[in-house]
All heavy atoms as atom14 arrays in JSON, in Angstrom:
{
  "sequence": "EFANHNSSANIIIDDDEFDKNIKDERDNNNEKFHN",
  "atom14_mask": [
    [1, 1, 1, 1, 1, 1, 1, 1, 1, 0, 0, 0, 0, 0],
    [1, 1, 1, 1, 1, 1, 1, 1, 1, 1, 1, 0, 0, 0],
    [1, 1, 1, 1, 1, 0, 0, 0, 0, 0, 0, 0, 0, 0],
    [1, 1, 1, 1, 1, 1, 1, 1, 0, 0, 0, 0, 0, 0],
    [1, 1, 1, 1, 1, 1, 1, 1, 1, 1, 0, 0, 0, 0],
    [1, 1, 1, 1, 1, 1, 1, 1, 0, 0, 0, 0, 0, 0],
    [1, 1, 1, 1, 1, 1, 0, 0, 0, 0, 0, 0, 0, 0],
    [1, 1, 1, 1, 1, 1, 0, 0, 0, 0, 0, 0, 0, 0],
    [1, 1, 1, 1, 1, 0, 0, 0, 0, 0, 0, 0, 0, 0],
    [1, 1, 1, 1, 1, 1, 1, 1, 0, 0, 0, 0, 0, 0],
    [1, 1, 1, 1, 1, 1, 1, 1, 0, 0, 0, 0, 0, 0],
    [1, 1, 1, 1, 1, 1, 1, 1, 0, 0, 0, 0, 0, 0],
    [1, 1, 1, 1, 1, 1, 1, 1, 0, 0, 0, 0, 0, 0],
    [1, 1, 1, 1, 1, 1, 1, 1, 0, 0, 0, 0, 0, 0],
    [1, 1, 1, 1, 1, 1, 1, 1, 0, 0, 0, 0, 0, 0],
    [1, 1, 1, 1, 1, 1, 1, 1, 0, 0, 0, 0, 0, 0],
    [1, 1, 1, 1, 1, 1, 1, 1, 1, 0, 0, 0, 0, 0],
    [1, 1, 1, 1, 1, 1, 1, 1, 1, 1, 1, 0, 0, 0],
    [1, 1, 1, 1, 1, 1, 1, 1, 0, 0, 0, 0, 0, 0],
    [1, 1, 1, 1, 1, 1, 1, 1, 1, 0, 0, 0, 0, 0],
    [1, 1, 1, 1, 1, 1, 1, 1, 0, 0, 0, 0, 0, 0],
    [1, 1, 1, 1, 1, 1, 1, 1, 0, 0, 0, 0, 0, 0],
    [1, 1, 1, 1, 1, 1, 1, 1, 1, 0, 0, 0, 0, 0],
    [1, 1, 1, 1, 1, 1, 1, 1, 0, 0, 0, 0, 0, 0],
    [1, 1, 1, 1, 1, 1, 1, 1, 1, 0, 0, 0, 0, 0],
    [1, 1, 1, 1, 1, 1, 1, 1, 1, 1, 1, 0, 0, 0],
    [1, 1, 1, 1, 1, 1, 1, 1, 0, 0, 0, 0, 0, 0],
    [1, 1, 1, 1, 1, 1, 1, 1, 0, 0, 0, 0, 0, 0],
    [1, 1, 1, 1, 1, 1, 1, 1, 0, 0, 0, 0, 0, 0],
    [1, 1, 1, 1, 1, 1, 1, 1, 0, 0, 0, 0, 0, 0],
    [1, 1, 1, 1, 1, 1, 1, 1, 1, 0, 0, 0, 0, 0],
    [1, 1, 1, 1, 1, 1, 1, 1, 1, 0, 0, 0, 0, 0],
    [1, 1, 1, 1, 1, 1, 1, 1, 1, 1, 1, 0, 0, 0],
    [1, 1, 1, 1, 1, 1, 1, 1, 1, 1, 0, 0, 0, 0],
    [1, 1, 1, 1, 1, 1, 1, 1, 0, 0, 0, 0, 0, 0]
  ],
  "atom14_positions": [
    [[19.95, 7.51, 16.93], [19.92, 8.1, 15.6], [18.95, 7.35, 14.69], [18.31, 7.95, 13.83], [21.32, 8.1, 14.99], [21.42, 8.94, 13.74], [22.86, 9.24, 13.38], [23.76, 8.77, 14.09], [23.06, 9.96, 12.39], [0.0, 0.0, 0.0], [0.0, 0.0, 0.0], [0.0, 0.0, 0.0], [0.0, 0.0, 0.0], [0.0, 0.0, 0.0]],
    [[18.84, 6.02, 14.88], [17.92, 5.23, 14.07], [17.14, 4.29, 14.98], [17.67, 3.77, 15.96], [18.67, 4.39, 13.02], [19.5, 5.2, 12.07], [20.87, 5.28, 12.22], [18.89, 5.92, 11.05], [21.64, 6.04, 11.35], [19.64, 6.69, 10.18], [21.01, 6.76, 10.34], [0.0, 0.0, 0.0], [0.0, 0.0, 0.0], [0.0, 0.0, 0.0]],
    [[15.87, 4.05, 14.62], [15.04, 3.1, 15.37], [15.38, 1.69, 14.93], [15.81, 1.46, 13.79], [13.56, 3.39, 15.11], [0.0, 0.0, 0.0], [0.0, 0.0, 0.0], [0.0, 0.0, 0.0], [0.0, 0.0, 0.0], [0.0, 0.0, 0.0], [0.0, 0.0, 0.0], [0.0, 0.0, 0.0], [0.0, 0.0, 0.0], [0.0, 0.0, 0.0]],
    [[15.19, 0.72, 15.84], [15.41, -0.68, 15.49], [14.41, -1.12, 14.43], [13.21, -0.83, 14.51], [15.27, -1.57, 16.73], [16.38, -1.32, 17.72], [17.5, -0.98, 17.34], [16.08, -1.46, 19.01], [0.0, 0.0, 0.0], [0.0, 0.0, 0.0], [0.0, 0.0, 0.0], [0.0, 0.0, 0.0], [0.0, 0.0, 0.0], [0.0, 0.0, 0.0]],
    [[14.89, -1.84, 13.41], [14.03, -2.26, 12.31], [13.56, -3.69, 12.57], [14.32, -4.65, 12.45], [14.81, -2.18, 10.99], [13.96, -2.52, 9.8], [12.97, -1.7, 9.33], [13.98, -3.6, 8.97], [12.41, -2.24, 8.27], [13.0, -3.4, 8.03], [0.0, 0.0, 0.0], [0.0, 0.0, 0.0], [0.0, 0.0, 0.0], [0.0, 0.0, 0.0]],
    [[12.29, -3.84, 12.95], [11.77, -5.16, 13.3], [10.79, -5.71, 12.26], [10.38, -6.86, 12.34], [11.06, -5.11, 14.66], [12.03, -4.74, 15.78], [13.15, -5.21, 15.8], [11.59, -3.88, 16.69], [0.0, 0.0, 0.0], [0.0, 0.0, 0.0], [0.0, 0.0, 0.0], [0.0, 0.0, 0.0], [0.0, 0.0, 0.0], [0.0, 0.0, 0.0]],
    [[10.37, -4.89, 11.31], [9.37, -5.35, 10.35], [10.01, -6.2, 9.26], [11.17, -6.04, 8.92], [8.67, -4.14, 9.72], [9.6, -3.35, 9.03], [0.0, 0.0, 0.0], [0.0, 0.0, 0.0], [0.0, 0.0, 0.0], [0.0, 0.0, 0.0], [0.0, 0.0, 0.0], [0.0, 0.0, 0.0], [0.0, 0.0, 0.0], [0.0, 0.0, 0.0]],
    [[9.23, -7.12, 8.74], [9.7, -7.97, 7.65], [9.13, -7.48, 6.33], [8.05, -6.9, 6.29], [9.29, -9.43, 7.89], [7.88, -9.5, 8.0], [0.0, 0.0, 0.0], [0.0, 0.0, 0.0], [0.0, 0.0, 0.0], [0.0, 0.0, 0.0], [0.0, 0.0, 0.0], [0.0, 0.0, 0.0], [0.0, 0.0, 0.0], [0.0, 0.0, 0.0]],
    [[9.82, -7.72, 5.23], [9.37, -7.28, 3.92], [8.11, -8.03, 3.5], [7.93, -9.21, 3.85], [10.48, -7.48, 2.9], [0.0, 0.0, 0.0], [0.0, 0.0, 0.0], [0.0, 0.0, 0.0], [0.0, 0.0, 0.0], [0.0, 0.0, 0.0], [0.0, 0.0, 0.0], [0.0, 0.0, 0.0], [0.0, 0.0, 0.0], [0.0, 0.0, 0.0]],
    [[7.23, -7.35, 2.75], [6.04, -8.01, 2.23], [6.42, -9.01, 1.14], [7.31, -8.76, 0.32], [5.08, -6.97, 1.63], [4.47, -6.1, 2.7], [4.2, -6.57, 3.79], [4.25, -4.83, 2.39], [0.0, 0.0, 0.0], [0.0, 0.0, 0.0], [0.0, 0.0, 0.0], [0.0, 0.0, 0.0], [0.0, 0.0, 0.0], [0.0, 0.0, 0.0]],
    [[5.74, -10.13, 1.14], [5.98, -11.15, 0.12], [4.79, -11.18, -0.83], [3.64, -11.36, -0.41], [6.16, -12.54, 0.76], [7.37, -12.53, 1.7], [6.31, -13.62, -0.31], [7.55, -13.81, 2.48], [0.0, 0.0, 0.0], [0.0, 0.0, 0.0], [0.0, 0.0, 0.0], [0.0, 0.0, 0.0], [0.0, 0.0, 0.0], [0.0, 0.0, 0.0]],
    [[5.04, -10.96, -2.13], [3.97, -10.96, -3.12], [3.77, -12.39, -3.6], [4.66, -13.0, -4.2], [4.33, -10.04, -4.32], [4.56, -8.61, -3.82], [3.24, -10.09, -5.37], [5.04, -7.67, -4.9], [0.0, 0.0, 0.0], [0.0, 0.0, 0.0], [0.0, 0.0, 0.0], [0.0, 0.0, 0.0], [0.0, 0.0, 0.0], [0.0, 0.0, 0.0]],
    [[2.58, -12.91, -3.32], [2.27, -14.28, -3.73], [1.65, -14.3, -5.12], [1.94, -15.15, -5.95], [1.32, -14.94, -2.69], [2.02, -14.99, -1.32], [0.89, -16.33, -3.15], [1.14, -15.49, -0.21], [0.0, 0.0, 0.0], [0.0, 0.0, 0.0], [0.0, 0.0, 0.0], [0.0, 0.0, 0.0], [0.0, 0.0, 0.0], [0.0, 0.0, 0.0]],
    [[0.76, -13.33, -5.38], [0.07, -13.28, -6.68], [0.21, -11.87, -7.23], [-0.38, -10.92, -6.71], [-1.41, -13.64, -6.47], [-2.17, -13.76, -7.77], [-1.84, -13.03, -8.72], [-3.11, -14.58, -7.83], [0.0, 0.0, 0.0], [0.0, 0.0, 0.0], [0.0, 0.0, 0.0], [0.0, 0.0, 0.0], [0.0, 0.0, 0.0], [0.0, 0.0, 0.0]],
    [[1.0, -11.72, -8.31], [1.25, -10.38, -8.89], [-0.04, -9.72, -9.35], [-0.26, -8.53, -9.13], [2.22, -10.49, -10.07], [3.66, -10.56, -9.59], [3.92, -10.17, -8.44], [4.53, -10.99, -10.38], [0.0, 0.0, 0.0], [0.0, 0.0, 0.0], [0.0, 0.0, 0.0], [0.0, 0.0, 0.0], [0.0, 0.0, 0.0], [0.0, 0.0, 0.0]],
    [[-0.92, -10.48, -10.02], [-2.17, -9.91, -10.55], [-3.06, -9.42, -9.42], [-3.66, -8.35, -9.5], [-2.91, -10.96, -11.4], [-2.16, -11.27, -12.69], [-1.34, -10.42, -13.11], [-2.39, -12.35, -13.25], [0.0, 0.0, 0.0], [0.0, 0.0, 0.0], [0.0, 0.0, 0.0], [0.0, 0.0, 0.0], [0.0, 0.0, 0.0], [0.0, 0.0, 0.0]],
    [[-3.16, -10.22, -8.38], [-3.99, -9.84, -7.23], [-3.42, -8.61, -6.54], [-4.16, -7.72, -6.11], [-4.08, -11.02, -6.25], [-4.98, -10.76, -5.03], [-6.45, -10.66, -5.41], [-6.84, -11.16, -6.49], [-7.22, -10.06, -4.63], [0.0, 0.0, 0.0], [0.0, 0.0, 0.0], [0.0, 0.0, 0.0], [0.0, 0.0, 0.0], [0.0, 0.0, 0.0]],
    [[-2.1, -8.56, -6.44], [-1.44, -7.41, -5.8], [-1.68, -6.13, -6.6], [-1.99, -5.08, -6.05], [0.07, -7.69, -5.69], [0.8, -6.72, -4.81], [0.68, -6.78, -3.43], [1.6, -5.73, -5.36], [1.36, -5.89, -2.6], [2.28, -4.83, -4.55], [2.16, -4.91, -3.17], [0.0, 0.0, 0.0], [0.0, 0.0, 0.0], [0.0, 0.0, 0.0]],
    [[-1.56, -6.21, -7.95], [-1.83, -5.06, -8.82], [-3.27, -4.59, -8.68], [-3.55, -3.39, -8.68], [-1.53, -5.42, -10.28], [-0.04, -5.61, -10.53], [0.75, -5.11, -9.7], [0.32, -6.26, -11.53], [0.0, 0.0, 0.0], [0.0, 0.0, 0.0], [0.0, 0.0, 0.0], [0.0, 0.0, 0.0], [0.0, 0.0, 0.0], [0.0, 0.0, 0.0]],
    [[-4.2, -5.56, -8.59], [-5.62, -5.21, -8.45], [-5.86, -4.49, -7.12], [-6.6, -3.5, -7.06], [-6.47, -6.49, -8.52], [-7.98, -6.24, -8.39], [-8.76, -7.53, -8.48], [-10.25, -7.27, -8.35], [-10.62, -6.62, -7.08], [0.0, 0.0, 0.0], [0.0, 0.0, 0.0], [0.0, 0.0, 0.0], [0.0, 0.0, 0.0], [0.0, 0.0, 0.0]],
    [[-5.21, -4.96, -6.05], [-5.37, -4.32, -4.74], [-4.84, -2.89, -4.76], [-5.43, -2.0, -4.15], [-4.63, -5.12, -3.67], [-5.32, -6.44, -3.37], [-6.51, -6.61, -3.65], [-4.57, -7.4, -2.83], [0.0, 0.0, 0.0], [0.0, 0.0, 0.0], [0.0, 0.0, 0.0], [0.0, 0.0, 0.0], [0.0, 0.0, 0.0], [0.0, 0.0, 0.0]],
    [[-3.72, -2.67, -5.46], [-3.17, -1.31, -5.57], [-4.17, -0.39, -6.26], [-4.43, 0.73, -5.82], [-1.83, -1.34, -6.35], [-0.75, -2.04, -5.52], [-1.38, 0.08, -6.7], [0.56, -2.23, -6.26], [0.0, 0.0, 0.0], [0.0, 0.0, 0.0], [0.0, 0.0, 0.0], [0.0, 0.0, 0.0], [0.0, 0.0, 0.0], [0.0, 0.0, 0.0]],
    [[-4.76, -0.89, -7.38], [-5.71, -0.09, -8.15], [-6.96, 0.21, -7.32], [-7.44, 1.34, -7.26], [-6.1, -0.82, -9.43], [-7.03, -0.03, -10.36], [-7.3, -0.82, -11.63], [-8.2, 0.0, -12.56], [-9.47, 0.37, -11.94], [0.0, 0.0, 0.0], [0.0, 0.0, 0.0], [0.0, 0.0, 0.0], [0.0, 0.0, 0.0], [0.0, 0.0, 0.0]],
    [[-7.48, -0.82, -6.63], [-8.69, -0.62, -5.81], [-8.42, 0.36, -4.68], [-9.28, 1.2, -4.36], [-9.15, -1.97, -5.23], [-9.7, -2.89, -6.3], [-10.02, -2.39, -7.4], [-9.8, -4.11, -6.03], [0.0, 0.0, 0.0], [0.0, 0.0, 0.0], [0.0, 0.0, 0.0], [0.0, 0.0, 0.0], [0.0, 0.0, 0.0], [0.0, 0.0, 0.0]],
    [[-7.26, 0.24, -4.06], [-6.92, 1.14, -2.95], [-6.88, 2.59, -3.42], [-7.39, 3.49, -2.75], [-5.57, 0.74, -2.37], [-5.13, 1.61, -1.19], [-3.74, 1.22, -0.69], [-3.32, 0.07, -0.92], [-3.09, 2.1, -0.08], [0.0, 0.0, 0.0], [0.0, 0.0, 0.0], [0.0, 0.0, 0.0], [0.0, 0.0, 0.0], [0.0, 0.0, 0.0]],
    [[-6.28, 2.81, -4.6], [-6.19, 4.19, -5.12], [-7.55, 4.71, -5.56], [-7.88, 5.87, -5.33], [-5.21, 4.23, -6.3], [-5.0, 5.64, -6.84], [-4.37, 6.52, -5.76], [-4.34, 7.91, -6.16], [-5.3, 8.8, -5.95], [-6.42, 8.42, -5.32], [-5.16, 10.05, -6.33], [0.0, 0.0, 0.0], [0.0, 0.0, 0.0], [0.0, 0.0, 0.0]],
    [[-8.36, 3.86, -6.19], [-9.69, 4.29, -6.63], [-10.57, 4.68, -5.46], [-11.42, 5.57, -5.56], [-10.36, 3.17, -7.44], [-9.7, 2.99, -8.81], [-8.98, 3.91, -9.23], [-9.91, 1.93, -9.43], [0.0, 0.0, 0.0], [0.0, 0.0, 0.0], [0.0, 0.0, 0.0], [0.0, 0.0, 0.0], [0.0, 0.0, 0.0], [0.0, 0.0, 0.0]],
    [[-10.4, 3.99, -4.35], [-11.22, 4.28, -3.17], [-10.73, 5.51, -2.41], [-11.44, 6.04, -1.56], [-11.21, 3.08, -2.22], [-11.98, 1.91, -2.79], [-12.93, 2.08, -3.56], [-11.55, 0.69, -2.44], [0.0, 0.0, 0.0], [0.0, 0.0, 0.0], [0.0, 0.0, 0.0], [0.0, 0.0, 0.0], [0.0, 0.0, 0.0], [0.0, 0.0, 0.0]],
    [[-9.53, 5.94, -2.71], [-8.97, 7.12, -2.04], [-9.16, 8.34, -2.95], [-8.25, 8.79, -3.61], [-7.49, 6.91, -1.74], [-6.9, 8.06, -0.95], [-7.63, 8.89, -0.42], [-5.58, 8.12, -0.88], [0.0, 0.0, 0.0], [0.0, 0.0, 0.0], [0.0, 0.0, 0.0], [0.0, 0.0, 0.0], [0.0, 0.0, 0.0], [0.0, 0.0, 0.0]],
    [[-10.37, 8.84, -2.99], [-10.69, 9.96, -3.89], [-11.11, 11.21, -3.15], [-11.89, 12.02, -3.65], [-11.79, 9.54, -4.87], [-13.06, 9.1, -4.15], [-13.11, 9.11, -2.92], [-14.08, 8.7, -4.9], [0.0, 0.0, 0.0], [0.0, 0.0, 0.0], [0.0, 0.0, 0.0], [0.0, 0.0, 0.0], [0.0, 0.0, 0.0], [0.0, 0.0, 0.0]],
    [[-10.64, 11.36, -1.92], [-11.0, 12.54, -1.13], [-10.43, 13.8, -1.75], [-9.29, 13.82, -2.23], [-10.47, 12.4, 0.32], [-11.23, 11.38, 1.13], [-10.82, 11.42, 2.6], [-10.26, 12.46, 3.01], [-11.04, 10.44, 3.3], [0.0, 0.0, 0.0], [0.0, 0.0, 0.0], [0.0, 0.0, 0.0], [0.0, 0.0, 0.0], [0.0, 0.0, 0.0]],
    [[-11.23, 14.86, -1.75], [-10.78, 16.14, -2.28], [-10.11, 16.96, -1.18], [-10.32, 16.73, 0.0], [-11.97, 16.9, -2.88], [-12.59, 16.22, -4.08], [-13.76, 17.04, -4.62], [-14.37, 16.37, -5.84], [-15.52, 17.14, -6.37], [0.0, 0.0, 0.0], [0.0, 0.0, 0.0], [0.0, 0.0, 0.0], [0.0, 0.0, 0.0], [0.0, 0.0, 0.0]],
    [[-9.31, 17.94, -1.61], [-8.7, 18.83, -0.65], [-9.75, 19.73, -0.02], [-10.78, 20.05, -0.63], [-7.64, 19.71, -1.33], [-6.4, 18.96, -1.73], [-6.19, 18.56, -3.05], [-5.45, 18.64, -0.79], [-5.06, 17.86, -3.41], [-4.3, 17.95, -1.14], [-4.12, 17.56, -2.46], [0.0, 0.0, 0.0], [0.0, 0.0, 0.0], [0.0, 0.0, 0.0]],
    [[-9.5, 20.16, 1.22], [-10.4, 21.08, 1.89], [-9.59, 22.23, 2.48], [-8.41, 22.09, 2.78], [-11.18, 20.38, 3.01], [-10.33, 19.83, 4.1], [-9.66, 18.63, 3.99], [-10.0, 20.33, 5.33], [-8.97, 18.4, 5.11], [-9.16, 19.42, 5.93], [0.0, 0.0, 0.0], [0.0, 0.0, 0.0], [0.0, 0.0, 0.0], [0.0, 0.0, 0.0]],
    [[-10.23, 23.38, 2.58], [-9.56, 24.56, 3.12], [-9.4, 24.44, 4.62], [-10.25, 23.89, 5.32], [-10.37, 25.83, 2.8], [-10.42, 26.09, 1.31], [-9.47, 25.8, 0.59], [-11.52, 26.65, 0.83], [0.0, 0.0, 0.0], [0.0, 0.0, 0.0], [0.0, 0.0, 0.0], [0.0, 0.0, 0.0], [0.0, 0.0, 0.0], [0.0, 0.0, 0.0]]
  ]
}
C-alpha cells in the first residue's frame, strides 16, 4: 500500500541562499504551453 520511505529531509543551512535558489529556479522555468 505504501513504499518504504528512505529519503532524508533537506536541511536549510542558509535561508537567504535557499530563497535565492528558489527564485532562480522559477525564473529559469519559463517554458510556454504547447498544443
